[in-house]
PDB file of N, CA and C in Angstrom:
ATOM      1  N   UNK A   1       0.820  -1.190   0.000  1.00  0.00           N
ATOM      2  CA  UNK A   1       0.000   0.000   0.000  1.00  0.00           C
ATOM      3  C   UNK A   1       0.873   1.268   0.000  1.00  0.00           C
ATOM      4  N   UNK A   2       1.937   1.195   0.812  1.00  0.00           N
ATOM      5  CA  UNK A   2       2.847   2.334   0.890  1.00  0.00           C
ATOM      6  C   UNK A   2       3.535   2.565  -0.460  1.00  0.00           C
ATOM      7  N   UNK A   3       3.938   1.492  -1.132  1.00  0.00           N
ATOM      8  CA  UNK A   3       4.565   1.619  -2.438  1.00  0.00           C
ATOM      9  C   UNK A   3       3.606   2.220  -3.467  1.00  0.00           C
ATOM     10  N   UNK A   4       2.368   1.857  -3.416  1.00  0.00           N
ATOM     11  CA  UNK A   4       1.372   2.404  -4.324  1.00  0.00           C
ATOM     12  C   UNK A   4       1.210   3.903  -4.092  1.00  0.00           C
ATOM     13  N   UNK A   5       1.180   4.305  -2.843  1.00  0.00           N
ATOM     14  CA  UNK A   5       1.054   5.721  -2.494  1.00  0.00           C
ATOM     15  C   UNK A   5       2.281   6.505  -2.983  1.00  0.00           C
ATOM     16  N   UNK A   6       3.493   5.953  -2.731  1.00  0.00           N
ATOM     17  CA  UNK A   6       4.712   6.622  -3.181  1.00  0.00           C
ATOM     18  C   UNK A   6       4.778   6.702  -4.706  1.00  0.00           C
ATOM     19  N   UNK A   7       4.357   5.653  -5.363  1.00  0.00           N
ATOM     20  CA  UNK A   7       4.335   5.640  -6.811  1.00  0.00           C
ATOM     21  C   UNK A   7       3.420   6.734  -7.357  1.00  0.00           C
ATOM     22  N   UNK A   8       2.264   6.885  -6.762  1.00  0.00           N
ATOM     23  CA  UNK A   8       1.317   7.925  -7.189  1.00  0.00           C
ATOM     24  C   UNK A   8       1.898   9.319  -6.946  1.00  0.00           C
ATOM     25  N   UNK A   9       2.565   9.508  -5.812  1.00  0.00           N
ATOM     26  CA  UNK A   9       3.178  10.798  -5.506  1.00  0.00           C
ATOM     27  C   UNK A   9       4.298  11.127  -6.499  1.00  0.00           C
ATOM     28  N   UNK A  10       5.131  10.145  -6.807  1.00  0.00           N
ATOM     29  CA  UNK A  10       6.211  10.361  -7.767  1.00  0.00           C
ATOM     30  C   UNK A  10       5.661  10.679  -9.157  1.00  0.00           C
ATOM     31  N   UNK A  11       4.615  10.005  -9.546  1.00  0.00           N
ATOM     32  CA  UNK A  11       3.997  10.273 -10.849  1.00  0.00           C
ATOM     33  C   UNK A  11       3.434  11.689 -10.891  1.00  0.00           C
ATOM     34  N   UNK A  12       2.819  12.128  -9.809  1.00  0.00           N
ATOM     35  CA  UNK A  12       2.264  13.485  -9.746  1.00  0.00           C
ATOM     36  C   UNK A  12       3.383  14.519  -9.808  1.00  0.00           C
ATOM     37  N   UNK A  13       4.484  14.263  -9.092  1.00  0.00           N
ATOM     38  CA  UNK A  13       5.625  15.181  -9.137  1.00  0.00           C
ATOM     39  C   UNK A  13       6.233  15.245 -10.534  1.00  0.00           C
ATOM     40  N   UNK A  14       6.347  14.091 -11.170  1.00  0.00           N
ATOM     41  CA  UNK A  14       6.897  14.053 -12.515  1.00  0.00           C
ATOM     42  C   UNK A  14       6.008  14.817 -13.499  1.00  0.00           C
ATOM     43  N   UNK A  15       4.708  14.651 -13.390  1.00  0.00           N
ATOM     44  CA  UNK A  15       3.767  15.385 -14.247  1.00  0.00           C
ATOM     45  C   UNK A  15       3.902  16.886 -14.030  1.00  0.00           C
ATOM     46  N   UNK A  16       4.042  17.288 -12.784  1.00  0.00           N
ATOM     47  CA  UNK A  16       4.178  18.712 -12.455  1.00  0.00           C
ATOM     48  C   UNK A  16       5.472  19.275 -13.027  1.00  0.00           C
ATOM     49  N   UNK A  17       6.567  18.542 -12.885  1.00  0.00           N
ATOM     50  CA  UNK A  17       7.842  19.005 -13.425  1.00  0.00           C
ATOM     51  C   UNK A  17       7.829  19.047 -14.947  1.00  0.00           C
ATOM     52  N   UNK A  18       7.182  18.082 -15.563  1.00  0.00           N
ATOM     53  CA  UNK A  18       7.082  18.059 -17.021  1.00  0.00           C
ATOM     54  C   UNK A  18       6.278  19.261 -17.521  1.00  0.00           C
ATOM     55  N   UNK A  19       5.171  19.553 -16.868  1.00  0.00           N
ATOM     56  CA  UNK A  19       4.342  20.693 -17.260  1.00  0.00           C
ATOM     57  C   UNK A  19       5.117  22.004 -17.083  1.00  0.00           C
ATOM     58  N   UNK A  20       5.876  22.107 -16.007  1.00  0.00           N
ATOM     59  CA  UNK A  20       6.670  23.312 -15.767  1.00  0.00           C
ATOM     60  C   UNK A  20       7.756  23.463 -16.827  1.00  0.00           C
ATOM     61  N   UNK A  21       8.396  22.363 -17.199  1.00  0.00           N
ATOM     62  CA  UNK A  21       9.426  22.386 -18.233  1.00  0.00           C
ATOM     63  C   UNK A  21       8.830  22.833 -19.567  1.00  0.00           C
ATOM     64  N   UNK A  22       7.683  22.305 -19.913  1.00  0.00           N
ATOM     65  CA  UNK A  22       7.025  22.666 -21.183  1.00  0.00           C
ATOM     66  C   UNK A  22       6.659  24.143 -21.187  1.00  0.00           C
ATOM     67  N   UNK A  23       6.126  24.647 -20.083  1.00  0.00           N
ATOM     68  CA  UNK A  23       5.791  26.075 -19.996  1.00  0.00           C
ATOM     69  C   UNK A  23       7.030  26.942 -20.186  1.00  0.00           C
ATOM     70  N   UNK A  24       8.127  26.556 -19.558  1.00  0.00           N
ATOM     71  CA  UNK A  24       9.369  27.326 -19.666  1.00  0.00           C
ATOM     72  C   UNK A  24       9.903  27.302 -21.098  1.00  0.00           C
ATOM     73  N   UNK A  25       9.854  26.157 -21.753  1.00  0.00           N
ATOM     74  CA  UNK A  25      10.309  26.073 -23.147  1.00  0.00           C
ATOM     75  C   UNK A  25       9.434  26.932 -24.062  1.00  0.00           C
ATOM     76  N   UNK A  26       8.160  26.930 -23.841  1.00  0.00           N
ATOM     77  CA  UNK A  26       7.260  27.776 -24.649  1.00  0.00           C
ATOM     78  C   UNK A  26       7.565  29.253 -24.422  1.00  0.00           C
ATOM     79  N   UNK A  27       7.839  29.620 -23.181  1.00  0.00           N
ATOM     80  CA  UNK A  27       8.170  31.018 -22.883  1.00  0.00           C
ATOM     81  C   UNK A  27       9.468  31.410 -23.581  1.00  0.00           C
ATOM     82  N   UNK A  28      10.463  30.532 -23.554  1.00  0.00           N
ATOM     83  CA  UNK A  28      11.736  30.829 -24.213  1.00  0.00           C
ATOM     84  C   UNK A  28      11.565  30.959 -25.721  1.00  0.00           C
ATOM     85  N   UNK A  29      10.764  30.095 -26.314  1.00  0.00           N
ATOM     86  CA  UNK A  29      10.549  30.165 -27.759  1.00  0.00           C
ATOM     87  C   UNK A  29       9.852  31.449 -28.167  1.00  0.00           C
ATOM     88  N   UNK A  30       8.958  31.942 -27.335  1.00  0.00           N
ATOM     89  CA  UNK A  30       8.287  33.203 -27.650  1.00  0.00           C
ATOM     90  C   UNK A  30       9.235  34.375 -27.562  1.00  0.00           C
ATOM     91  N   UNK A  31      10.267  34.257 -26.723  1.00  0.00           N
ATOM     92  CA  UNK A  31      11.165  35.383 -26.517  1.00  0.00           C
ATOM     93  C   UNK A  31      12.376  35.360 -27.446  1.00  0.00           C
ATOM     94  N   UNK A  32      12.381  34.480 -28.454  1.00  0.00           N
ATOM     95  CA  UNK A  32      13.487  34.456 -29.394  1.00  0.00           C
ATOM     96  C   UNK A  32      13.512  35.761 -30.185  1.00  0.00           C
ATOM     97  N   UNK A  33      14.692  36.235 -30.545  1.00  0.00           N
ATOM     98  CA  UNK A  33      14.766  37.494 -31.292  1.00  0.00           C
ATOM     99  C   UNK A  33      14.135  37.347 -32.679  1.00  0.00           C
ATOM    100  N   UNK A  34      13.654  38.458 -33.167  1.00  0.00           N
ATOM    101  CA  UNK A  34      13.075  38.480 -34.503  1.00  0.00           C
ATOM    102  C   UNK A  34      14.168  38.230 -35.545  1.00  0.00           C
ATOM    103  N   UNK A  35      13.760  37.771 -36.716  1.00  0.00           N
ATOM    104  CA  UNK A  35      14.712  37.552 -37.793  1.00  0.00           C
ATOM    105  C   UNK A  35      15.321  38.895 -38.198  1.00  0.00           C
ATOM    106  N   UNK A  36      16.637  38.914 -38.339  1.00  0.00           N
ATOM    107  CA  UNK A  36      17.328  40.146 -38.689  1.00  0.00           C
ATOM    108  C   UNK A  36      17.399  40.300 -40.196  1.00  0.00           C
ATOM    109  N   UNK A  37      17.300  41.520 -40.625  1.00  0.00           N
ATOM    110  CA  UNK A  37      17.435  41.826 -42.044  1.00  0.00           C
ATOM    111  C   UNK A  37      18.903  42.144 -42.291  1.00  0.00           C
ATOM    112  N   UNK A  38      19.641  41.159 -42.738  1.00  0.00           N
ATOM    113  CA  UNK A  38      21.080  41.311 -42.918  1.00  0.00           C
ATOM    114  C   UNK A  38      21.388  41.827 -44.322  1.00  0.00           C
ATOM    115  N   UNK A  39      22.433  42.642 -44.422  1.00  0.00           N
ATOM    116  CA  UNK A  39      22.802  43.144 -45.754  1.00  0.00           C
ATOM    117  C   UNK A  39      23.401  42.022 -46.598  1.00  0.00           C
ATOM    118  N   UNK A  40      23.337  42.204 -47.897  1.00  0.00           N
ATOM    119  CA  UNK A  40      23.961  41.232 -48.796  1.00  0.00           C
ATOM    120  C   UNK A  40      25.472  41.376 -48.697  1.00  0.00           C
ATOM    121  N   UNK A  41      26.168  40.376 -49.195  1.00  0.00           N
ATOM    122  CA  UNK A  41      27.629  40.404 -49.153  1.00  0.00           C
ATOM    123  C   UNK A  41      28.161  41.583 -49.960  1.00  0.00           C
ATOM    124  N   UNK A  42      27.603  41.788 -51.141  1.00  0.00           N
ATOM    125  CA  UNK A  42      28.071  42.896 -51.985  1.00  0.00           C
ATOM    126  C   UNK A  42      27.866  44.242 -51.293  1.00  0.00           C
ATOM    127  N   UNK A  43      26.722  44.425 -50.659  1.00  0.00           N
ATOM    128  CA  UNK A  43      26.440  45.664 -49.949  1.00  0.00           C
ATOM    129  C   UNK A  43      27.463  45.867 -48.831  1.00  0.00           C
ATOM    130  N   UNK A  44      27.756  44.802 -48.082  1.00  0.00           N
ATOM    131  CA  UNK A  44      28.727  44.899 -47.002  1.00  0.00           C
ATOM    132  C   UNK A  44      30.106  45.266 -47.534  1.00  0.00           C
ATOM    133  N   UNK A  45      30.558  44.579 -48.588  1.00  0.00           N
ATOM    134  CA  UNK A  45      31.899  44.815 -49.125  1.00  0.00           C
ATOM    135  C   UNK A  45      32.023  46.223 -49.675  1.00  0.00           C
ATOM    136  N   UNK A  46      30.980  46.728 -50.326  1.00  0.00           N
ATOM    137  CA  UNK A  46      31.018  48.084 -50.873  1.00  0.00           C
ATOM    138  C   UNK A  46      31.118  49.129 -49.772  1.00  0.00           C
ATOM    139  N   UNK A  47      30.524  48.865 -48.620  1.00  0.00           N
ATOM    140  CA  UNK A  47      30.488  49.854 -47.537  1.00  0.00           C
ATOM    141  C   UNK A  47      31.678  49.745 -46.571  1.00  0.00           C
ATOM    142  N   UNK A  48      32.295  48.567 -46.477  1.00  0.00           N
ATOM    143  CA  UNK A  48      33.386  48.360 -45.517  1.00  0.00           C
ATOM    144  C   UNK A  48      34.694  48.895 -46.094  1.00  0.00           C
ATOM    145  N   UNK A  49      35.426  49.612 -45.264  1.00  0.00           N
ATOM    146  CA  UNK A  49      36.746  50.075 -45.701  1.00  0.00           C
ATOM    147  C   UNK A  49      37.708  48.894 -45.702  1.00  0.00           C
ATOM    148  N   UNK A  50      38.831  49.063 -46.369  1.00  0.00           N
ATOM    149  CA  UNK A  50      39.825  47.995 -46.433  1.00  0.00           C
ATOM    150  C   UNK A  50      40.338  47.646 -45.036  1.00  0.00           C
ATOM    151  N   UNK A  51      40.546  48.661 -44.204  1.00  0.00           N
ATOM    152  CA  UNK A  51      41.020  48.414 -42.837  1.00  0.00           C
ATOM    153  C   UNK A  51      39.977  47.667 -42.015  1.00  0.00           C
ATOM    154  N   UNK A  52      38.725  48.068 -42.168  1.00  0.00           N
ATOM    155  CA  UNK A  52      37.647  47.413 -41.423  1.00  0.00           C
ATOM    156  C   UNK A  52      37.526  45.943 -41.837  1.00  0.00           C
ATOM    157  N   UNK A  53      37.579  45.693 -43.136  1.00  0.00           N
ATOM    158  CA  UNK A  53      37.493  44.322 -43.632  1.00  0.00           C
ATOM    159  C   UNK A  53      38.652  43.484 -43.097  1.00  0.00           C
ATOM    160  N   UNK A  54      39.847  44.050 -43.127  1.00  0.00           N
ATOM    161  CA  UNK A  54      41.030  43.321 -42.650  1.00  0.00           C
ATOM    162  C   UNK A  54      40.928  43.015 -41.157  1.00  0.00           C
ATOM    163  N   UNK A  55      40.397  43.946 -40.379  1.00  0.00           N
ATOM    164  CA  UNK A  55      40.226  43.698 -38.938  1.00  0.00           C
ATOM    165  C   UNK A  55      39.208  42.591 -38.692  1.00  0.00           C
ATOM    166  N   UNK A  56      38.165  42.555 -39.488  1.00  0.00           N
ATOM    167  CA  UNK A  56      37.116  41.549 -39.278  1.00  0.00           C
ATOM    168  C   UNK A  56      37.558  40.155 -39.717  1.00  0.00           C
ATOM    169  N   UNK A  57      38.245  40.057 -40.853  1.00  0.00           N
ATOM    170  CA  UNK A  57      38.555  38.752 -41.444  1.00  0.00           C
ATOM    171  C   UNK A  57      40.043  38.396 -41.397  1.00  0.00           C
ATOM    172  N   UNK A  58      40.845  39.276 -40.846  1.00  0.00           N
ATOM    173  CA  UNK A  58      42.281  39.026 -40.672  1.00  0.00           C
ATOM    174  C   UNK A  58      43.024  38.818 -41.993  1.00  0.00           C
ATOM    175  N   UNK A  59      42.468  39.368 -43.069  1.00  0.00           N
ATOM    176  CA  UNK A  59      43.132  39.303 -44.375  1.00  0.00           C
ATOM    177  C   UNK A  59      42.469  40.334 -45.282  1.00  0.00           C
ATOM    178  N   UNK A  60      43.198  40.780 -46.300  1.00  0.00           N
ATOM    179  CA  UNK A  60      42.588  41.735 -47.237  1.00  0.00           C
ATOM    180  C   UNK A  60      41.483  41.073 -48.067  1.00  0.00           C
ATOM    181  N   UNK A  61      40.627  41.893 -48.644  1.00  0.00           N
ATOM    182  CA  UNK A  61      39.493  41.394 -49.422  1.00  0.00           C
ATOM    183  C   UNK A  61      39.948  40.503 -50.577  1.00  0.00           C
ATOM    184  N   UNK A  62      40.976  40.902 -51.296  1.00  0.00           N
ATOM    185  CA  UNK A  62      41.437  40.102 -52.448  1.00  0.00           C
ATOM    186  C   UNK A  62      41.870  38.708 -51.997  1.00  0.00           C
ATOM    187  N   UNK A  63      42.569  38.632 -50.887  1.00  0.00           N
ATOM    188  CA  UNK A  63      43.012  37.330 -50.378  1.00  0.00           C
ATOM    189  C   UNK A  63      41.812  36.497 -49.904  1.00  0.00           C
ATOM    190  N   UNK A  64      40.831  37.165 -49.305  1.00  0.00           N
ATOM    191  CA  UNK A  64      39.620  36.468 -48.852  1.00  0.00           C
ATOM    192  C   UNK A  64      38.864  35.881 -50.037  1.00  0.00           C
ATOM    193  N   UNK A  65      38.713  36.671 -51.109  1.00  0.00           N
ATOM    194  CA  UNK A  65      38.027  36.180 -52.303  1.00  0.00           C
ATOM    195  C   UNK A  65      38.780  35.017 -52.937  1.00  0.00           C
ATOM    196  N   UNK A  66      40.107  35.091 -52.932  1.00  0.00           N
ATOM    197  CA  UNK A  66      40.923  33.998 -53.472  1.00  0.00           C
ATOM    198  C   UNK A  66      40.724  32.732 -52.625  1.00  0.00           C
ATOM    199  N   UNK A  67      40.682  32.897 -51.312  1.00  0.00           N
ATOM    200  CA  UNK A  67      40.444  31.765 -50.419  1.00  0.00           C
ATOM    201  C   UNK A  67      39.078  31.135 -50.690  1.00  0.00           C
ATOM    202  N   UNK A  68      38.061  31.961 -50.881  1.00  0.00           N
ATOM    203  CA  UNK A  68      36.719  31.442 -51.187  1.00  0.00           C
ATOM    204  C   UNK A  68      36.711  30.679 -52.508  1.00  0.00           C
ATOM    205  N   UNK A  69      37.373  31.233 -53.525  1.00  0.00           N
ATOM    206  CA  UNK A  69      37.438  30.556 -54.816  1.00  0.00           C
ATOM    207  C   UNK A  69      38.161  29.218 -54.704  1.00  0.00           C
ATOM    208  N   UNK A  70      39.299  29.203 -54.006  1.00  0.00           N
ATOM    209  CA  UNK A  70      40.053  27.956 -53.832  1.00  0.00           C
ATOM    210  C   UNK A  70      39.226  26.919 -53.074  1.00  0.00           C
ATOM    211  N   UNK A  71      38.530  27.370 -52.044  1.00  0.00           N
ATOM    212  CA  UNK A  71      37.705  26.459 -51.256  1.00  0.00           C
ATOM    213  C   UNK A  71      36.593  25.861 -52.101  1.00  0.00           C
ATOM    214  N   UNK A  72      35.902  26.691 -52.877  1.00  0.00           N
ATOM    215  CA  UNK A  72      34.803  26.178 -53.698  1.00  0.00           C
ATOM    216  C   UNK A  72      35.315  25.238 -54.792  1.00  0.00           C
ATOM    217  N   UNK A  73      36.535  25.457 -55.264  1.00  0.00           N
ATOM    218  CA  UNK A  73      37.106  24.558 -56.277  1.00  0.00           C
ATOM    219  C   UNK A  73      37.458  23.201 -55.681  1.00  0.00           C
ATOM    220  N   UNK A  74      37.882  23.180 -54.433  1.00  0.00           N
ATOM    221  CA  UNK A  74      38.294  21.927 -53.796  1.00  0.00           C
ATOM    222  C   UNK A  74      37.086  21.109 -53.352  1.00  0.00           C
ATOM    223  N   UNK A  75      36.116  21.746 -52.705  1.00  0.00           N
ATOM    224  CA  UNK A  75      34.988  20.995 -52.134  1.00  0.00           C
ATOM    225  C   UNK A  75      33.730  21.064 -52.990  1.00  0.00           C
ATOM    226  N   UNK A  76      33.787  21.643 -54.121  1.00  0.00           N
ATOM    227  CA  UNK A  76      32.683  21.870 -55.068  1.00  0.00           C
ATOM    228  C   UNK A  76      31.727  22.938 -54.565  1.00  0.00           C
ATOM    229  N   UNK A  77      31.079  23.583 -55.505  1.00  0.00           N
ATOM    230  CA  UNK A  77      30.187  24.689 -55.161  1.00  0.00           C
ATOM    231  C   UNK A  77      28.886  24.223 -54.520  1.00  0.00           C
ATOM    232  N   UNK A  78      28.589  22.935 -54.584  1.00  0.00           N
ATOM    233  CA  UNK A  78      27.391  22.443 -53.895  1.00  0.00           C
ATOM    234  C   UNK A  78      27.593  22.459 -52.388  1.00  0.00           C
ATOM    235  N   UNK A  79      28.846  22.305 -51.949  1.00  0.00           N
ATOM    236  CA  UNK A  79      29.160  22.309 -50.524  1.00  0.00           C
ATOM    237  C   UNK A  79      29.474  23.722 -50.058  1.00  0.00           C
ATOM    238  N   UNK A  80      30.258  24.450 -50.818  1.00  0.00           N
ATOM    239  CA  UNK A  80      30.656  25.812 -50.470  1.00  0.00           C
ATOM    240  C   UNK A  80      30.476  26.694 -51.673  1.00  0.00           C
ATOM    241  N   UNK A  81      29.584  27.647 -51.560  1.00  0.00           N
ATOM    242  CA  UNK A  81      29.312  28.559 -52.669  1.00  0.00           C
ATOM    243  C   UNK A  81      29.673  29.982 -52.236  1.00  0.00           C
ATOM    244  N   UNK A  82      30.665  30.603 -52.872  1.00  0.00           N
ATOM    245  CA  UNK A  82      31.000  31.979 -52.510  1.00  0.00           C
ATOM    246  C   UNK A  82      29.809  32.897 -52.682  1.00  0.00           C
ATOM    247  N   UNK A  83      29.758  33.932 -51.870  1.00  0.00           N
ATOM    248  CA  UNK A  83      28.618  34.846 -51.874  1.00  0.00           C
ATOM    249  C   UNK A  83      28.437  35.530 -53.225  1.00  0.00           C
ATOM    250  N   UNK A  84      29.487  35.648 -53.998  1.00  0.00           N
ATOM    251  CA  UNK A  84      29.384  36.296 -55.297  1.00  0.00           C
ATOM    252  C   UNK A  84      28.428  35.548 -56.213  1.00  0.00           C
ATOM    253  N   UNK A  85      28.240  34.237 -55.988  1.00  0.00           N
ATOM    254  CA  UNK A  85      27.354  33.435 -56.832  1.00  0.00           C
ATOM    255  C   UNK A  85      25.940  33.318 -56.282  1.00  0.00           C
ATOM    256  N   UNK A  86      25.738  33.826 -55.071  1.00  0.00           N
ATOM    257  CA  UNK A  86      24.414  33.735 -54.462  1.00  0.00           C
ATOM    258  C   UNK A  86      23.499  34.838 -54.959  1.00  0.00           C
ATOM    259  N   UNK A  87      22.217  34.582 -55.036  1.00  0.00           N
ATOM    260  CA  UNK A  87      21.294  35.654 -55.446  1.00  0.00           C
ATOM    261  C   UNK A  87      21.203  36.701 -54.340  1.00  0.00           C
ATOM    262  N   UNK A  88      20.879  37.930 -54.727  1.00  0.00           N
ATOM    263  CA  UNK A  88      20.757  39.006 -53.742  1.00  0.00           C
ATOM    264  C   UNK A  88      19.581  38.724 -52.851  1.00  0.00           C
TER     265      UNK A  88
END
């Protein structure tokens, strides 16, 4: 009888914790940030100075583009597609 009572109590506690977890997950999902409107690669490159680009990517733009081209040639463009080939 005691085991039956403990079993019922544990089941009730588990149900309560599960419901609380679900509520918390729903609250977190509602508070996710909105989708950001990011600039295209071309827009970014046109606006970024050479120094700014070098600070962000640790290499000049020409070297970065060469790296992207080499990468897409090695792993194919289906795996890695440089932004220059992507639609705006």
